[in-house]
PDB file of N, CA and C in Angstrom:
ATOM      1  N   MET A   1       0.847  -1.366  -0.097  1.00  0.00           N
ATOM      2  CA  MET A   1       0.057  -0.057  -0.039  1.00  0.00           C
ATOM      3  C   MET A   1       0.959   1.198  -0.121  1.00  0.00           C
ATOM      4  N   GLU A   2       0.365   2.306  -0.824  1.00  0.00           N
ATOM      5  CA  GLU A   2       1.529   3.268  -0.808  1.00  0.00           C
ATOM      6  C   GLU A   2       0.314   4.429  -0.833  1.00  0.00           C
ATOM      7  N   GLU A   3       0.500   5.551   0.151  1.00  0.00           N
ATOM      8  CA  GLU A   3      -0.143   6.870   0.196  1.00  0.00           C
ATOM      9  C   GLU A   3       0.504   7.899  -0.436  1.00  0.00           C
ATOM     10  N   LYS A   4       0.004   8.657  -0.790  1.00  0.00           N
ATOM     11  CA  LYS A   4       0.428   9.938  -1.586  1.00  0.00           C
ATOM     12  C   LYS A   4      -0.530  10.959  -1.256  1.00  0.00           C
ATOM     13  N   GLY A   5      -0.160  11.824  -0.098  1.00  0.00           N
ATOM     14  CA  GLY A   5      -1.220  12.977   0.378  1.00  0.00           C
ATOM     15  C   GLY A   5      -2.724  12.278   0.828  1.00  0.00           C
ATOM     16  N   LYS A   6      -3.535  12.245  -0.192  1.00  0.00           N
ATOM     17  CA  LYS A   6      -4.887  11.861   0.392  1.00  0.00           C
ATOM     18  C   LYS A   6      -5.451  10.862  -0.681  1.00  0.00           C
ATOM     19  N   ILE A   7      -4.469  10.382  -1.458  1.00  0.00           N
ATOM     20  CA  ILE A   7      -4.611   9.084  -2.335  1.00  0.00           C
ATOM     21  C   ILE A   7      -3.892   8.018  -1.861  1.00  0.00           C
ATOM     22  N   THR A   8      -4.626   6.521  -1.845  1.00  0.00           N
ATOM     23  CA  THR A   8      -4.069   5.434  -1.412  1.00  0.00           C
ATOM     24  C   THR A   8      -4.090   4.184  -2.625  1.00  0.00           C
ATOM     25  N   LYS A   9      -2.860   3.836  -3.023  1.00  0.00           N
ATOM     26  CA  LYS A   9      -2.640   2.872  -3.794  1.00  0.00           C
ATOM     27  C   LYS A   9      -2.373   1.630  -3.622  1.00  0.00           C
ATOM     28  N   VAL A  10      -2.978   0.397  -4.086  1.00  0.00           N
ATOM     29  CA  VAL A  10      -2.940  -0.951  -3.341  1.00  0.00           C
ATOM     30  C   VAL A  10      -2.891  -1.813  -4.446  1.00  0.00           C
ATOM     31  N   SER A  11      -1.496  -2.419  -4.783  1.00  0.00           N
ATOM     32  CA  SER A  11      -1.401  -3.632  -5.602  1.00  0.00           C
ATOM     33  C   SER A  11      -2.605  -4.637  -5.386  1.00  0.00           C
ATOM     34  N   ILE A  12      -3.562  -4.812  -6.557  1.00  0.00           N
ATOM     35  CA  ILE A  12      -4.159  -6.250  -6.444  1.00  0.00           C
ATOM     36  C   ILE A  12      -4.183  -7.033  -7.949  1.00  0.00           C
ATOM     37  N   GLY A  13      -4.227  -7.920  -7.634  1.00  0.00           N
ATOM     38  CA  GLY A  13      -4.119  -9.103  -8.822  1.00  0.00           C
ATOM     39  C   GLY A  13      -2.953  -8.267  -9.594  1.00  0.00           C
ATOM     40  N   GLN A  14      -3.102  -8.301 -11.046  1.00  0.00           N
ATOM     41  CA  GLN A  14      -2.216  -7.931 -12.011  1.00  0.00           C
ATOM     42  C   GLN A  14      -2.435  -6.282 -12.398  1.00  0.00           C
ATOM     43  N   GLY A  15      -2.446  -5.462 -11.221  1.00  0.00           N
ATOM     44  CA  GLY A  15      -2.869  -4.175 -11.183  1.00  0.00           C
ATOM     45  C   GLY A  15      -2.631  -3.368 -10.051  1.00  0.00           C
ATOM     46  N   GLU A  16      -3.347  -2.231 -10.056  1.00  0.00           N
ATOM     47  CA  GLU A  16      -3.363  -1.400  -8.820  1.00  0.00           C
ATOM     48  C   GLU A  16      -4.343  -0.613  -8.697  1.00  0.00           C
ATOM     49  N   MET A  17      -5.202  -0.613  -7.389  1.00  0.00           N
ATOM     50  CA  MET A  17      -6.559   0.165  -7.248  1.00  0.00           C
ATOM     51  C   MET A  17      -5.959   1.389  -6.562  1.00  0.00           C
ATOM     52  N   THR A  18      -6.475   2.617  -7.035  1.00  0.00           N
ATOM     53  CA  THR A  18      -6.434   3.794  -6.194  1.00  0.00           C
ATOM     54  C   THR A  18      -7.482   4.554  -5.639  1.00  0.00           C
ATOM     55  N   PHE A  19      -7.527   4.375  -4.537  1.00  0.00           N
ATOM     56  CA  PHE A  19      -8.562   5.150  -3.701  1.00  0.00           C
ATOM     57  C   PHE A  19      -8.434   6.317  -3.464  1.00  0.00           C
ATOM     58  N   LYS A  20      -9.278   7.152  -3.878  1.00  0.00           N
ATOM     59  CA  LYS A  20      -9.265   8.677  -4.119  1.00  0.00           C
ATOM     60  C   LYS A  20     -10.651   9.461  -3.360  1.00  0.00           C
ATOM     61  N   LEU A  21     -11.264   8.756  -2.468  1.00  0.00           N
ATOM     62  CA  LEU A  21     -12.271   9.498  -1.803  1.00  0.00           C
ATOM     63  C   LEU A  21     -11.795  10.295  -0.616  1.00  0.00           C
ATOM     64  N   GLU A  22     -10.877  10.412   0.260  1.00  0.00           N
ATOM     65  CA  GLU A  22     -10.433  11.285   1.035  1.00  0.00           C
ATOM     66  C   GLU A  22     -10.037  12.675   0.076  1.00  0.00           C
ATOM     67  N   GLU A  23      -9.258  12.626  -1.273  1.00  0.00           N
ATOM     68  CA  GLU A  23      -8.791  13.725  -1.697  1.00  0.00           C
ATOM     69  C   GLU A  23     -10.271  14.528  -2.157  1.00  0.00           C
ATOM     70  N   LEU A  24     -11.447  13.655  -2.890  1.00  0.00           N
ATOM     71  CA  LEU A  24     -12.601  14.184  -3.109  1.00  0.00           C
ATOM     72  C   LEU A  24     -13.134  14.975  -2.108  1.00  0.00           C
ATOM     73  N   LEU A  25     -13.459  14.377  -1.027  1.00  0.00           N
ATOM     74  CA  LEU A  25     -13.909  15.093   0.226  1.00  0.00           C
ATOM     75  C   LEU A  25     -13.118  16.336   0.400  1.00  0.00           C
ATOM     76  N   ALA A  26     -11.723  16.089   0.876  1.00  0.00           N
ATOM     77  CA  ALA A  26     -11.387  17.433   0.828  1.00  0.00           C
ATOM     78  C   ALA A  26     -11.146  18.547  -0.075  1.00  0.00           C
ATOM     79  N   LYS A  27     -11.472  18.227  -1.279  1.00  0.00           N
ATOM     80  CA  LYS A  27     -11.730  19.242  -2.327  1.00  0.00           C
ATOM     81  C   LYS A  27     -13.094  19.627  -2.276  1.00  0.00           C
ATOM     82  N   LYS A  28     -14.153  18.887  -1.855  1.00  0.00           N
ATOM     83  CA  LYS A  28     -15.361  19.575  -1.717  1.00  0.00           C
ATOM     84  C   LYS A  28     -15.610  20.199  -0.158  1.00  0.00           C
ATOM     85  N   ASN A  29     -14.674  20.059   0.786  1.00  0.00           N
ATOM     86  CA  ASN A  29     -14.537  20.208   2.263  1.00  0.00           C
ATOM     87  C   ASN A  29     -15.935  19.801   2.852  1.00  0.00           C
ATOM     88  N   ILE A  30     -15.730  18.486   2.896  1.00  0.00           N
ATOM     89  CA  ILE A  30     -16.771  17.679   3.454  1.00  0.00           C
ATOM     90  C   ILE A  30     -16.162  16.627   3.995  1.00  0.00           C
ATOM     91  N   SER A  31     -16.616  16.404   5.533  1.00  0.00           N
ATOM     92  CA  SER A  31     -15.963  15.355   6.280  1.00  0.00           C
ATOM     93  C   SER A  31     -16.414  14.006   6.049  1.00  0.00           C
ATOM     94  N   LYS A  32     -15.681  13.009   6.736  1.00  0.00           N
ATOM     95  CA  LYS A  32     -16.118  11.766   6.553  1.00  0.00           C
ATOM     96  C   LYS A  32     -17.461  11.635   7.596  1.00  0.00           C
ATOM     97  N   ASN A  33     -17.141  12.308   8.592  1.00  0.00           N
ATOM     98  CA  ASN A  33     -18.375  12.182   9.647  1.00  0.00           C
ATOM     99  C   ASN A  33     -19.367  12.681   9.005  1.00  0.00           C
ATOM    100  N   LYS A  34     -19.393  13.701   8.421  1.00  0.00           N
ATOM    101  CA  LYS A  34     -20.729  14.525   7.980  1.00  0.00           C
ATOM    102  C   LYS A  34     -21.526  13.654   6.333  1.00  0.00           C
ATOM    103  N   MET A  35     -20.605  13.036   5.969  1.00  0.00           N
ATOM    104  CA  MET A  35     -21.142  12.018   4.612  1.00  0.00           C
ATOM    105  C   MET A  35     -21.679  10.880   5.171  1.00  0.00           C
ATOM    106  N   MET A  36     -21.001  10.453   6.267  1.00  0.00           N
ATOM    107  CA  MET A  36     -21.388   9.356   6.965  1.00  0.00           C
ATOM    108  C   MET A  36     -22.951   9.580   7.542  1.00  0.00           C
ATOM    109  N   ARG A  37     -23.345  10.504   8.229  1.00  0.00           N
ATOM    110  CA  ARG A  37     -24.453  10.908   8.562  1.00  0.00           C
ATOM    111  C   ARG A  37     -25.369  11.130   7.419  1.00  0.00           C
ATOM    112  N   ASP A  38     -25.067  11.767   6.581  1.00  0.00           N
ATOM    113  CA  ASP A  38     -25.914  12.095   5.652  1.00  0.00           C
ATOM    114  C   ASP A  38     -26.252  11.069   4.901  1.00  0.00           C
ATOM    115  N   ILE A  39     -25.422  10.177   4.471  1.00  0.00           N
ATOM    116  CA  ILE A  39     -25.747   9.239   3.823  1.00  0.00           C
ATOM    117  C   ILE A  39     -26.136   7.745   4.553  1.00  0.00           C
ATOM    118  N   GLU A  40     -26.148   7.725   5.628  1.00  0.00           N
ATOM    119  CA  GLU A  40     -26.591   6.990   6.272  1.00  0.00           C
ATOM    120  C   GLU A  40     -25.727   5.688   6.407  1.00  0.00           C
ATOM    121  N   THR A  41     -24.104   5.742   6.380  1.00  0.00           N
ATOM    122  CA  THR A  41     -23.420   4.450   6.282  1.00  0.00           C
ATOM    123  C   THR A  41     -22.551   4.539   7.316  1.00  0.00           C
ATOM    124  N   ASP A  42     -22.046   3.365   7.895  1.00  0.00           N
ATOM    125  CA  ASP A  42     -21.447   3.099   8.936  1.00  0.00           C
ATOM    126  C   ASP A  42     -20.150   4.049   8.831  1.00  0.00           C
ATOM    127  N   PHE A  43     -19.550   4.444   9.579  1.00  0.00           N
ATOM    128  CA  PHE A  43     -18.172   5.255   9.638  1.00  0.00           C
ATOM    129  C   PHE A  43     -16.973   4.095   9.229  1.00  0.00           C
ATOM    130  N   LYS A  44     -16.717   2.834   9.503  1.00  0.00           N
ATOM    131  CA  LYS A  44     -16.080   2.077   9.472  1.00  0.00           C
ATOM    132  C   LYS A  44     -15.978   1.738   8.124  1.00  0.00           C
ATOM    133  N   VAL A  45     -17.068   1.661   7.068  1.00  0.00           N
ATOM    134  CA  VAL A  45     -17.191   1.546   5.773  1.00  0.00           C
ATOM    135  C   VAL A  45     -16.634   2.651   5.133  1.00  0.00           C
ATOM    136  N   ILE A  46     -17.042   3.846   5.365  1.00  0.00           N
ATOM    137  CA  ILE A  46     -16.237   4.985   4.846  1.00  0.00           C
ATOM    138  C   ILE A  46     -14.593   4.990   5.103  1.00  0.00           C
ATOM    139  N   GLN A  47     -13.981   4.654   6.106  1.00  0.00           N
ATOM    140  CA  GLN A  47     -12.779   4.831   6.357  1.00  0.00           C
ATOM    141  C   GLN A  47     -12.197   3.844   5.612  1.00  0.00           C
ATOM    142  N   ARG A  48     -12.891   2.583   5.415  1.00  0.00           N
ATOM    143  CA  ARG A  48     -11.978   1.414   4.884  1.00  0.00           C
ATOM    144  C   ARG A  48     -11.947   1.792   3.206  1.00  0.00           C
ATOM    145  N   ILE A  49     -13.108   2.450   2.687  1.00  0.00           N
ATOM    146  CA  ILE A  49     -13.076   2.815   1.350  1.00  0.00           C
ATOM    147  C   ILE A  49     -11.941   4.007   1.188  1.00  0.00           C
ATOM    148  N   ALA A  50     -11.949   4.952   2.057  1.00  0.00           N
ATOM    149  CA  ALA A  50     -10.963   6.015   1.949  1.00  0.00           C
ATOM    150  C   ALA A  50      -9.637   5.748   2.074  1.00  0.00           C
ATOM    151  N   LYS A  51      -9.000   4.374   3.088  1.00  0.00           N
ATOM    152  CA  LYS A  51      -7.861   4.218   3.340  1.00  0.00           C
ATOM    153  C   LYS A  51      -7.454   2.914   2.379  1.00  0.00           C
ATOM    154  N   GLY A  52      -8.154   2.572   1.369  1.00  0.00           N
ATOM    155  CA  GLY A  52      -7.968   1.478   0.546  1.00  0.00           C
ATOM    156  C   GLY A  52      -7.750  -0.063   1.453  1.00  0.00           C
ATOM    157  N   THR A  53      -8.529  -0.150   2.213  1.00  0.00           N
ATOM    158  CA  THR A  53      -8.509  -1.404   3.400  1.00  0.00           C
ATOM    159  C   THR A  53      -9.854  -2.162   3.132  1.00  0.00           C
ATOM    160  N   ILE A  54     -10.736  -1.497   2.119  1.00  0.00           N
ATOM    161  CA  ILE A  54     -11.819  -2.493   1.998  1.00  0.00           C
ATOM    162  C   ILE A  54     -11.484  -3.741   1.283  1.00  0.00           C
ATOM    163  N   THR A  55     -12.375  -4.746   1.676  1.00  0.00           N
ATOM    164  CA  THR A  55     -11.986  -5.889   0.898  1.00  0.00           C
ATOM    165  C   THR A  55     -13.380  -6.739   0.031  1.00  0.00           C
ATOM    166  N   ARG A  56     -14.271  -6.213   0.588  1.00  0.00           N
ATOM    167  CA  ARG A  56     -15.637  -6.293  -0.260  1.00  0.00           C
ATOM    168  C   ARG A  56     -16.389  -4.932  -0.371  1.00  0.00           C
ATOM    169  N   VAL A  57     -16.755  -4.761  -1.647  1.00  0.00           N
ATOM    170  CA  VAL A  57     -17.637  -3.532  -1.896  1.00  0.00           C
ATOM    171  C   VAL A  57     -19.234  -3.815  -2.237  1.00  0.00           C
ATOM    172  N   ASP A  58     -19.772  -2.917  -1.343  1.00  0.00           N
ATOM    173  CA  ASP A  58     -21.054  -2.771  -1.300  1.00  0.00           C
ATOM    174  C   ASP A  58     -21.885  -1.542  -2.545  1.00  0.00           C
ATOM    175  N   LEU A  59     -22.179  -2.300  -3.513  1.00  0.00           N
ATOM    176  CA  LEU A  59     -22.376  -1.395  -4.687  1.00  0.00           C
ATOM    177  C   LEU A  59     -23.834  -0.378  -4.086  1.00  0.00           C
ATOM    178  N   TYR A  60     -24.221  -0.472  -3.292  1.00  0.00           N
ATOM    179  CA  TYR A  60     -25.472   0.573  -2.911  1.00  0.00           C
ATOM    180  C   TYR A  60     -24.731   1.386  -1.929  1.00  0.00           C
ATOM    181  N   VAL A  61     -23.687   1.101  -1.191  1.00  0.00           N
ATOM    182  CA  VAL A  61     -22.869   2.253  -0.632  1.00  0.00           C
ATOM    183  C   VAL A  61     -22.231   2.944  -1.517  1.00  0.00           C
ATOM    184  N   LEU A  62     -21.617   2.600  -2.466  1.00  0.00           N
ATOM    185  CA  LEU A  62     -20.900   3.229  -3.594  1.00  0.00           C
ATOM    186  C   LEU A  62     -21.731   4.110  -4.395  1.00  0.00           C
ATOM    187  N   ALA A  63     -22.926   3.545  -4.517  1.00  0.00           N
ATOM    188  CA  ALA A  63     -24.041   4.406  -5.325  1.00  0.00           C
ATOM    189  C   ALA A  63     -24.472   5.507  -4.316  1.00  0.00           C
ATOM    190  N   ARG A  64     -24.590   5.608  -3.340  1.00  0.00           N
ATOM    191  CA  ARG A  64     -24.868   6.447  -2.137  1.00  0.00           C
ATOM    192  C   ARG A  64     -23.993   7.592  -2.027  1.00  0.00           C
ATOM    193  N   ILE A  65     -22.503   7.104  -2.246  1.00  0.00           N
ATOM    194  CA  ILE A  65     -21.441   8.164  -2.353  1.00  0.00           C
ATOM    195  C   ILE A  65     -21.498   8.695  -3.516  1.00  0.00           C
ATOM    196  N   CYS A  66     -21.459   8.410  -4.624  1.00  0.00           N
ATOM    197  CA  CYS A  66     -21.306   8.969  -5.651  1.00  0.00           C
ATOM    198  C   CYS A  66     -22.723  10.097  -5.965  1.00  0.00           C
ATOM    199  N   ASP A  67     -23.904   9.395  -5.759  1.00  0.00           N
ATOM    200  CA  ASP A  67     -24.926  10.473  -5.457  1.00  0.00           C
ATOM    201  C   ASP A  67     -24.947  11.765  -4.610  1.00  0.00           C
ATOM    202  N   TYR A  68     -24.186  11.321  -3.747  1.00  0.00           N
ATOM    203  CA  TYR A  68     -24.009  12.562  -2.349  1.00  0.00           C
ATOM    204  C   TYR A  68     -22.775  13.253  -2.868  1.00  0.00           C
ATOM    205  N   LEU A  69     -21.699  12.877  -3.521  1.00  0.00           N
ATOM    206  CA  LEU A  69     -20.598  13.792  -3.940  1.00  0.00           C
ATOM    207  C   LEU A  69     -20.898  14.435  -5.475  1.00  0.00           C
ATOM    208  N   ASP A  70     -21.839  13.968  -6.076  1.00  0.00           N
ATOM    209  CA  ASP A  70     -22.171  14.219  -7.203  1.00  0.00           C
ATOM    210  C   ASP A  70     -20.842  14.033  -8.048  1.00  0.00           C
ATOM    211  N   CYS A  71     -20.412  12.392  -8.425  1.00  0.00           N
ATOM    212  CA  CYS A  71     -19.155  12.058  -8.717  1.00  0.00           C
ATOM    213  C   CYS A  71     -19.634  10.909  -9.465  1.00  0.00           C
ATOM    214  N   ASN A  72     -18.618  10.187 -10.388  1.00  0.00           N
ATOM    215  CA  ASN A  72     -18.727   9.070 -10.939  1.00  0.00           C
ATOM    216  C   ASN A  72     -17.845   7.945  -9.824  1.00  0.00           C
ATOM    217  N   LEU A  73     -17.704   6.988 -10.411  1.00  0.00           N
ATOM    218  CA  LEU A  73     -17.370   5.831  -9.449  1.00  0.00           C
ATOM    219  C   LEU A  73     -15.924   5.922  -9.582  1.00  0.00           C
ATOM    220  N   GLU A  74     -15.275   6.217 -10.922  1.00  0.00           N
ATOM    221  CA  GLU A  74     -13.949   6.422 -11.094  1.00  0.00           C
ATOM    222  C   GLU A  74     -13.057   7.269 -10.451  1.00  0.00           C
ATOM    223  N   ASP A  75     -14.225   8.479  -9.685  1.00  0.00           N
ATOM    224  CA  ASP A  75     -13.576   9.419  -8.909  1.00  0.00           C
ATOM    225  C   ASP A  75     -13.179   9.119  -7.696  1.00  0.00           C
ATOM    226  N   ILE A  76     -13.727   7.945  -7.306  1.00  0.00           N
ATOM    227  CA  ILE A  76     -13.639   7.517  -5.666  1.00  0.00           C
ATOM    228  C   ILE A  76     -12.632   6.362  -6.105  1.00  0.00           C
ATOM    229  N   ILE A  77     -12.851   5.396  -6.797  1.00  0.00           N
ATOM    230  CA  ILE A  77     -11.902   4.230  -6.944  1.00  0.00           C
ATOM    231  C   ILE A  77     -11.573   3.849  -8.468  1.00  0.00           C
ATOM    232  N   ASP A  78     -10.432   3.385  -8.448  1.00  0.00           N
ATOM    233  CA  ASP A  78      -9.951   3.166  -9.954  1.00  0.00           C
ATOM    234  C   ASP A  78      -8.881   2.265 -10.234  1.00  0.00           C
ATOM    235  N   TYR A  79      -8.948   1.195 -11.176  1.00  0.00           N
ATOM    236  CA  TYR A  79      -8.226   0.155 -11.250  1.00  0.00           C
ATOM    237  C   TYR A  79      -7.414   0.378 -12.695  1.00  0.00           C
ATOM    238  N   LYS A  80      -6.046   0.088 -12.556  1.00  0.00           N
ATOM    239  CA  LYS A  80      -5.379   0.115 -13.892  1.00  0.00           C
ATOM    240  C   LYS A  80      -4.789  -1.105 -13.960  1.00  0.00           C
ATOM    241  N   LYS A  81      -4.698  -1.822 -14.986  1.00  0.00           N
ATOM    242  CA  LYS A  81      -4.019  -2.868 -15.006  1.00  0.00           C
ATOM    243  C   LYS A  81      -2.635  -2.522 -15.471  1.00  0.00           C
ATOM    244  N   SER A  82      -1.746  -3.528 -14.852  1.00  0.00           N
ATOM    245  CA  SER A  82      -0.335  -3.412 -15.530  1.00  0.00           C
ATOM    246  C   SER A  82      -0.200  -3.495 -16.534  1.00  0.00           C
ATOM    247  N   ILE A  83       0.775  -2.806 -17.197  1.00  0.00           N
ATOM    248  CA  ILE A  83       1.126  -3.116 -18.733  1.00  0.00           C
ATOM    249  C   ILE A  83       2.563  -3.970 -18.800  1.00  0.00           C
ATOM    250  N   LYS A  84       2.354  -5.373 -18.921  1.00  0.00           N
ATOM    251  CA  LYS A  84       3.434  -6.218 -19.295  1.00  0.00           C
ATOM    252  C   LYS A  84       4.261  -5.850 -20.586  1.00  0.00           C
ATOM    253  N   LYS A  85       5.409  -5.714 -20.876  1.00  0.00           N
ATOM    254  CA  LYS A  85       6.140  -5.529 -21.718  1.00  0.00           C
ATOM    255  C   LYS A  85       7.135  -6.907 -22.054  1.00  0.00           C
TER     256      LYS A  85
END
Protein backbone atom coordinates (compact mmCIF):
# COMPACT_ATOMS: atom_id res chain seq x y z
CA MET A 1 0.00 0.00 0.00
CA GLU A 2 1.29 3.43 -0.96
CA GLU A 3 -0.15 6.71 0.30
CA LYS A 4 0.42 9.99 -1.52
CA GLY A 5 -1.34 12.79 0.28
CA LYS A 6 -5.00 11.82 0.35
CA ILE A 7 -4.71 9.13 -2.35
CA THR A 8 -3.96 5.50 -1.51
CA LYS A 9 -2.69 2.97 -4.05
CA VAL A 10 -2.92 -0.78 -3.45
CA SER A 11 -1.49 -3.50 -5.68
CA ILE A 12 -4.17 -6.08 -6.42
CA GLY A 13 -3.91 -8.94 -8.86
CA GLN A 14 -2.17 -7.74 -11.99
CA GLY A 15 -2.86 -4.08 -11.38
CA GLU A 16 -3.31 -1.29 -8.92
CA MET A 17 -6.38 0.13 -7.18
CA THR A 18 -6.36 3.84 -6.47
CA PHE A 19 -8.61 5.05 -3.65
CA LYS A 20 -9.39 8.76 -4.01
CA LEU A 21 -12.30 9.34 -1.63
CA GLU A 22 -10.31 11.38 0.90
CA GLU A 23 -8.99 13.67 -1.82
CA LEU A 24 -12.48 14.21 -3.22
CA LEU A 25 -13.92 14.94 0.22
CA ALA A 26 -11.14 17.46 0.87
CA LYS A 27 -11.80 19.19 -2.47
CA LYS A 28 -15.50 19.47 -1.63
CA ASN A 29 -14.76 20.45 1.99
CA ILE A 30 -16.88 17.60 3.38
CA SER A 31 -15.84 15.53 6.39
CA LYS A 32 -16.17 11.76 6.51
CA ASN A 33 -18.38 12.19 9.59
CA LYS A 34 -20.78 14.51 7.78
CA MET A 35 -21.02 12.23 4.76
CA MET A 36 -21.50 9.18 7.00
CA ARG A 37 -24.45 10.83 8.73
CA ASP A 38 -25.97 12.23 5.54
CA ILE A 39 -25.87 8.94 3.60
CA GLU A 40 -26.55 6.78 6.67
CA THR A 41 -23.50 4.56 6.27
CA ASP A 42 -21.26 3.16 9.00
CA PHE A 43 -18.08 5.20 9.58
CA LYS A 44 -15.91 2.08 9.37
CA VAL A 45 -17.12 1.43 5.82
CA ILE A 46 -16.33 5.01 4.75
CA GLN A 47 -12.93 4.80 6.44
CA ARG A 48 -12.08 1.50 4.70
CA ILE A 49 -12.98 2.91 1.30
CA ALA A 50 -10.97 6.07 2.00
CA LYS A 51 -7.90 4.16 3.23
CA GLY A 52 -8.02 1.36 0.66
CA THR A 53 -8.48 -1.39 3.23
CA ILE A 54 -11.92 -2.48 2.02
CA THR A 55 -12.09 -6.11 0.92
CA ARG A 56 -15.68 -6.34 -0.34
CA VAL A 57 -17.61 -3.61 -2.02
CA ASP A 58 -21.28 -2.82 -1.39
CA LEU A 59 -22.59 -1.36 -4.64
CA TYR A 60 -25.41 0.44 -2.82
CA VAL A 61 -22.91 2.24 -0.58
CA LEU A 62 -20.82 3.26 -3.60
CA ALA A 63 -23.95 4.51 -5.36
CA ARG A 64 -24.96 6.58 -2.31
CA ILE A 65 -21.45 8.07 -2.11
CA CYS A 66 -21.45 8.93 -5.82
CA ASP A 67 -24.93 10.48 -5.60
CA TYR A 68 -23.99 12.46 -2.48
CA LEU A 69 -20.72 13.77 -3.95
CA ASP A 70 -22.18 14.16 -7.46
CA CYS A 71 -19.35 12.15 -8.97
CA ASN A 72 -18.62 8.97 -10.91
CA LEU A 73 -17.24 5.74 -9.47
CA GLU A 74 -13.82 6.31 -11.05
CA ASP A 75 -13.60 9.57 -9.07
CA ILE A 76 -13.55 7.43 -5.89
CA ILE A 77 -11.94 4.11 -6.88
CA ASP A 78 -9.91 3.36 -9.98
CA TYR A 79 -8.27 0.17 -11.25
CA LYS A 80 -5.40 0.15 -13.69
CA LYS A 81 -4.04 -3.09 -15.04
CA SER A 82 -0.25 -3.29 -15.17
CA ILE A 83 1.20 -3.17 -18.67
CA LYS A 84 3.41 -6.16 -19.36
CA LYS A 85 6.27 -5.65 -21.77
